[in-house]
PDB file of N, CA and C in Angstrom:
ATOM      1  N   MET A   1     -77.515  38.315 -51.307  1.00  0.00           N
ATOM      2  CA  MET A   1     -76.353  38.272 -50.292  1.00  0.00           C
ATOM      3  C   MET A   1     -76.877  37.945 -48.779  1.00  0.00           C
ATOM      4  N   ASN A   2     -76.549  37.002 -48.225  1.00  0.00           N
ATOM      5  CA  ASN A   2     -77.086  36.561 -46.927  1.00  0.00           C
ATOM      6  C   ASN A   2     -75.845  36.611 -45.866  1.00  0.00           C
ATOM      7  N   GLY A   3     -76.134  36.713 -44.721  1.00  0.00           N
ATOM      8  CA  GLY A   3     -75.372  36.789 -43.532  1.00  0.00           C
ATOM      9  C   GLY A   3     -74.799  38.120 -43.126  1.00  0.00           C
ATOM     10  N   PRO A   4     -74.060  38.214 -42.494  1.00  0.00           N
ATOM     11  CA  PRO A   4     -73.559  39.615 -41.834  1.00  0.00           C
ATOM     12  C   PRO A   4     -72.559  40.413 -42.917  1.00  0.00           C
ATOM     13  N   ILE A   5     -72.619  41.525 -42.879  1.00  0.00           N
ATOM     14  CA  ILE A   5     -71.906  42.394 -43.888  1.00  0.00           C
ATOM     15  C   ILE A   5     -70.442  42.662 -43.196  1.00  0.00           C
ATOM     16  N   MET A   6     -69.581  42.039 -43.809  1.00  0.00           N
ATOM     17  CA  MET A   6     -68.325  42.150 -43.497  1.00  0.00           C
ATOM     18  C   MET A   6     -67.413  43.179 -44.538  1.00  0.00           C
ATOM     19  N   GLY A   7     -66.958  44.478 -44.224  1.00  0.00           N
ATOM     20  CA  GLY A   7     -66.559  45.172 -45.182  1.00  0.00           C
ATOM     21  C   GLY A   7     -67.335  46.259 -45.751  1.00  0.00           C
ATOM     22  N   MET A   8     -67.400  46.183 -46.901  1.00  0.00           N
ATOM     23  CA  MET A   8     -68.349  47.091 -47.747  1.00  0.00           C
ATOM     24  C   MET A   8     -69.030  46.388 -48.778  1.00  0.00           C
ATOM     25  N   ARG A   9     -70.230  46.727 -49.264  1.00  0.00           N
ATOM     26  CA  ARG A   9     -71.184  46.132 -50.238  1.00  0.00           C
ATOM     27  C   ARG A   9     -70.604  46.682 -51.429  1.00  0.00           C
ATOM     28  N   CYS A  10     -70.552  45.908 -52.571  1.00  0.00           N
ATOM     29  CA  CYS A  10     -70.112  46.018 -53.952  1.00  0.00           C
ATOM     30  C   CYS A  10     -71.397  46.369 -54.654  1.00  0.00           C
ATOM     31  N   TYR A  11     -71.260  47.329 -55.530  1.00  0.00           N
ATOM     32  CA  TYR A  11     -72.536  47.326 -56.465  1.00  0.00           C
ATOM     33  C   TYR A  11     -72.112  47.486 -57.950  1.00  0.00           C
ATOM     34  N   ARG A  12     -71.001  46.862 -58.183  1.00  0.00           N
ATOM     35  CA  ARG A  12     -70.208  46.726 -59.546  1.00  0.00           C
ATOM     36  C   ARG A  12     -71.299  46.324 -60.708  1.00  0.00           C
ATOM     37  N   GLU A  13     -72.049  45.489 -60.602  1.00  0.00           N
ATOM     38  CA  GLU A  13     -73.212  44.950 -61.475  1.00  0.00           C
ATOM     39  C   GLU A  13     -74.368  45.801 -61.375  1.00  0.00           C
ATOM     40  N   ALA A  14     -74.461  46.662 -60.547  1.00  0.00           N
ATOM     41  CA  ALA A  14     -75.654  47.454 -60.512  1.00  0.00           C
ATOM     42  C   ALA A  14     -75.430  49.036 -60.432  1.00  0.00           C
ATOM     43  N   LYS A  15     -74.416  49.501 -61.151  1.00  0.00           N
ATOM     44  CA  LYS A  15     -73.970  50.817 -60.955  1.00  0.00           C
ATOM     45  C   LYS A  15     -75.036  51.777 -61.351  1.00  0.00           C
ATOM     46  N   GLU A  16     -75.887  51.799 -62.378  1.00  0.00           N
ATOM     47  CA  GLU A  16     -76.940  52.644 -62.744  1.00  0.00           C
ATOM     48  C   GLU A  16     -77.976  52.797 -61.539  1.00  0.00           C
ATOM     49  N   GLN A  17     -78.397  51.723 -60.819  1.00  0.00           N
ATOM     50  CA  GLN A  17     -79.255  51.800 -60.004  1.00  0.00           C
ATOM     51  C   GLN A  17     -78.729  52.390 -58.609  1.00  0.00           C
ATOM     52  N   TYR A  18     -77.413  52.104 -58.451  1.00  0.00           N
ATOM     53  CA  TYR A  18     -76.793  52.602 -57.116  1.00  0.00           C
ATOM     54  C   TYR A  18     -76.688  54.038 -57.315  1.00  0.00           C
ATOM     55  N   LEU A  19     -76.394  54.696 -58.477  1.00  0.00           N
ATOM     56  CA  LEU A  19     -76.058  56.089 -58.663  1.00  0.00           C
ATOM     57  C   LEU A  19     -77.403  56.856 -58.647  1.00  0.00           C
ATOM     58  N   ALA A  20     -78.650  55.999 -58.849  1.00  0.00           N
ATOM     59  CA  ALA A  20     -79.907  56.751 -59.043  1.00  0.00           C
ATOM     60  C   ALA A  20     -80.531  56.922 -57.570  1.00  0.00           C
ATOM     61  N   VAL A  21     -79.899  56.281 -56.532  1.00  0.00           N
ATOM     62  CA  VAL A  21     -80.403  56.237 -55.205  1.00  0.00           C
ATOM     63  C   VAL A  21     -80.425  57.690 -54.563  1.00  0.00           C
ATOM     64  N   ARG A  22     -81.377  58.161 -53.939  1.00  0.00           N
ATOM     65  CA  ARG A  22     -81.657  59.372 -53.474  1.00  0.00           C
ATOM     66  C   ARG A  22     -81.938  59.459 -51.888  1.00  0.00           C
ATOM     67  N   THR A  23     -82.333  58.174 -51.301  1.00  0.00           N
ATOM     68  CA  THR A  23     -82.565  58.250 -49.841  1.00  0.00           C
ATOM     69  C   THR A  23     -81.944  56.960 -49.364  1.00  0.00           C
ATOM     70  N   GLU A  24     -81.490  56.920 -48.125  1.00  0.00           N
ATOM     71  CA  GLU A  24     -81.001  55.778 -47.461  1.00  0.00           C
ATOM     72  C   GLU A  24     -81.771  54.566 -47.624  1.00  0.00           C
ATOM     73  N   PRO A  25     -83.029  54.475 -47.473  1.00  0.00           N
ATOM     74  CA  PRO A  25     -83.751  53.256 -47.394  1.00  0.00           C
ATOM     75  C   PRO A  25     -83.609  52.620 -48.911  1.00  0.00           C
ATOM     76  N   ASP A  26     -83.626  53.641 -49.802  1.00  0.00           N
ATOM     77  CA  ASP A  26     -83.547  53.072 -51.198  1.00  0.00           C
ATOM     78  C   ASP A  26     -82.408  52.304 -51.616  1.00  0.00           C
ATOM     79  N   ILE A  27     -81.104  52.433 -50.697  1.00  0.00           N
ATOM     80  CA  ILE A  27     -79.999  51.637 -51.331  1.00  0.00           C
ATOM     81  C   ILE A  27     -80.121  50.249 -50.804  1.00  0.00           C
ATOM     82  N   TRP A  28     -80.977  49.830 -50.001  1.00  0.00           N
ATOM     83  CA  TRP A  28     -81.342  48.384 -49.850  1.00  0.00           C
ATOM     84  C   TRP A  28     -82.104  47.851 -50.816  1.00  0.00           C
ATOM     85  N   THR A  29     -82.648  48.404 -51.715  1.00  0.00           N
ATOM     86  CA  THR A  29     -83.409  47.914 -53.045  1.00  0.00           C
ATOM     87  C   THR A  29     -82.261  47.556 -54.046  1.00  0.00           C
ATOM     88  N   VAL A  30     -80.961  48.025 -54.000  1.00  0.00           N
ATOM     89  CA  VAL A  30     -80.046  47.760 -54.934  1.00  0.00           C
ATOM     90  C   VAL A  30     -79.372  46.505 -54.727  1.00  0.00           C
ATOM     91  N   PRO A  31     -79.356  45.475 -55.787  1.00  0.00           N
ATOM     92  CA  PRO A  31     -78.619  44.334 -55.560  1.00  0.00           C
ATOM     93  C   PRO A  31     -77.110  44.326 -55.484  1.00  0.00           C
ATOM     94  N   ALA A  32     -76.498  43.990 -54.184  1.00  0.00           N
ATOM     95  CA  ALA A  32     -75.326  44.060 -54.126  1.00  0.00           C
ATOM     96  C   ALA A  32     -74.616  42.931 -54.980  1.00  0.00           C
ATOM     97  N   THR A  33     -73.460  43.255 -55.654  1.00  0.00           N
ATOM     98  CA  THR A  33     -72.599  42.187 -56.256  1.00  0.00           C
ATOM     99  C   THR A  33     -71.849  41.338 -55.350  1.00  0.00           C
ATOM    100  N   GLU A  34     -71.297  41.880 -54.112  1.00  0.00           N
ATOM    101  CA  GLU A  34     -70.678  40.942 -53.273  1.00  0.00           C
ATOM    102  C   GLU A  34     -70.011  41.993 -52.218  1.00  0.00           C
ATOM    103  N   ALA A  35     -69.701  41.381 -51.013  1.00  0.00           N
ATOM    104  CA  ALA A  35     -69.111  42.052 -49.851  1.00  0.00           C
ATOM    105  C   ALA A  35     -67.664  41.900 -50.113  1.00  0.00           C
ATOM    106  N   VAL A  36     -67.017  43.068 -50.026  1.00  0.00           N
ATOM    107  CA  VAL A  36     -65.648  43.335 -50.146  1.00  0.00           C
ATOM    108  C   VAL A  36     -64.705  43.789 -48.933  1.00  0.00           C
ATOM    109  N   PRO A  37     -63.638  43.509 -48.656  1.00  0.00           N
ATOM    110  CA  PRO A  37     -62.964  44.199 -47.449  1.00  0.00           C
ATOM    111  C   PRO A  37     -63.012  45.735 -47.810  1.00  0.00           C
ATOM    112  N   GLU A  38     -62.795  46.404 -46.674  1.00  0.00           N
ATOM    113  CA  GLU A  38     -62.584  47.940 -46.875  1.00  0.00           C
ATOM    114  C   GLU A  38     -61.344  48.242 -47.457  1.00  0.00           C
ATOM    115  N   THR A  39     -60.490  47.588 -47.772  1.00  0.00           N
ATOM    116  CA  THR A  39     -59.163  48.005 -48.161  1.00  0.00           C
ATOM    117  C   THR A  39     -59.259  47.455 -49.649  1.00  0.00           C
ATOM    118  N   TYR A  40     -60.291  46.915 -50.155  1.00  0.00           N
ATOM    119  CA  TYR A  40     -60.324  46.357 -51.525  1.00  0.00           C
ATOM    120  C   TYR A  40     -60.346  47.497 -52.545  1.00  0.00           C
ATOM    121  N   LEU A  41     -59.496  47.436 -53.428  1.00  0.00           N
ATOM    122  CA  LEU A  41     -59.501  48.453 -54.589  1.00  0.00           C
ATOM    123  C   LEU A  41     -59.934  47.891 -55.876  1.00  0.00           C
ATOM    124  N   CYS A  42     -61.397  48.231 -56.361  1.00  0.00           N
ATOM    125  CA  CYS A  42     -61.698  47.634 -57.431  1.00  0.00           C
ATOM    126  C   CYS A  42     -61.352  48.271 -58.818  1.00  0.00           C
ATOM    127  N   SER A  43     -61.128  47.810 -59.790  1.00  0.00           N
ATOM    128  CA  SER A  43     -60.415  48.331 -61.113  1.00  0.00           C
ATOM    129  C   SER A  43     -61.653  49.073 -61.710  1.00  0.00           C
ATOM    130  N   GLN A  44     -62.865  48.941 -61.358  1.00  0.00           N
ATOM    131  CA  GLN A  44     -63.870  49.752 -61.829  1.00  0.00           C
ATOM    132  C   GLN A  44     -64.300  50.906 -60.797  1.00  0.00           C
ATOM    133  N   TYR A  45     -63.472  51.163 -59.786  1.00  0.00           N
ATOM    134  CA  TYR A  45     -64.033  52.321 -58.770  1.00  0.00           C
ATOM    135  C   TYR A  45     -63.627  53.729 -59.428  1.00  0.00           C
ATOM    136  N   GLN A  46     -64.694  54.417 -59.130  1.00  0.00           N
ATOM    137  CA  GLN A  46     -64.583  55.836 -59.678  1.00  0.00           C
ATOM    138  C   GLN A  46     -65.075  56.644 -58.414  1.00  0.00           C
ATOM    139  N   VAL A  47     -64.505  57.877 -58.329  1.00  0.00           N
ATOM    140  CA  VAL A  47     -64.630  58.793 -57.297  1.00  0.00           C
ATOM    141  C   VAL A  47     -66.033  59.369 -57.480  1.00  0.00           C
ATOM    142  N   ARG A  48     -66.828  59.346 -56.435  1.00  0.00           N
ATOM    143  CA  ARG A  48     -68.256  60.008 -56.493  1.00  0.00           C
ATOM    144  C   ARG A  48     -67.998  61.461 -56.751  1.00  0.00           C
ATOM    145  N   ILE A  49     -68.960  61.809 -57.899  1.00  0.00           N
ATOM    146  CA  ILE A  49     -69.243  63.181 -58.099  1.00  0.00           C
ATOM    147  C   ILE A  49     -69.918  63.905 -57.086  1.00  0.00           C
ATOM    148  N   PRO A  50     -69.504  65.125 -56.484  1.00  0.00           N
ATOM    149  CA  PRO A  50     -70.226  65.734 -55.635  1.00  0.00           C
ATOM    150  C   PRO A  50     -71.599  66.093 -56.178  1.00  0.00           C
ATOM    151  N   GLY A  51     -72.505  65.757 -55.121  1.00  0.00           N
ATOM    152  CA  GLY A  51     -73.952  66.196 -55.685  1.00  0.00           C
ATOM    153  C   GLY A  51     -74.876  65.054 -56.197  1.00  0.00           C
ATOM    154  N   THR A  52     -74.147  63.809 -56.415  1.00  0.00           N
ATOM    155  CA  THR A  52     -74.843  62.502 -56.836  1.00  0.00           C
ATOM    156  C   THR A  52     -75.148  61.641 -55.716  1.00  0.00           C
ATOM    157  N   GLY A  53     -76.005  60.740 -55.713  1.00  0.00           N
ATOM    158  CA  GLY A  53     -76.420  59.901 -54.632  1.00  0.00           C
ATOM    159  C   GLY A  53     -77.099  60.492 -53.510  1.00  0.00           C
ATOM    160  N   TYR A  54     -77.364  59.638 -52.555  1.00  0.00           N
ATOM    161  CA  TYR A  54     -78.037  60.193 -51.289  1.00  0.00           C
ATOM    162  C   TYR A  54     -77.081  60.848 -50.370  1.00  0.00           C
ATOM    163  N   ARG A  55     -75.761  60.392 -50.507  1.00  0.00           N
ATOM    164  CA  ARG A  55     -74.681  60.929 -49.729  1.00  0.00           C
ATOM    165  C   ARG A  55     -74.228  62.299 -50.152  1.00  0.00           C
ATOM    166  N   GLY A  56     -74.617  62.572 -51.552  1.00  0.00           N
ATOM    167  CA  GLY A  56     -73.975  63.562 -52.332  1.00  0.00           C
ATOM    168  C   GLY A  56     -73.101  64.701 -51.719  1.00  0.00           C
TER     169      GLY A  56
END
């Protein structure tokens, strides 16, 4: 992905990598699928389970 980020980064095609991230700098190593508007609701969206990811 190039250019400014507008909205949110989608990690639909790298779910396992995204969920394995434990620190903020590590999120930038995960390939984003696309940038989507903040109001976009993906059919694959899942609520984050408390204690997972670096924002857990």
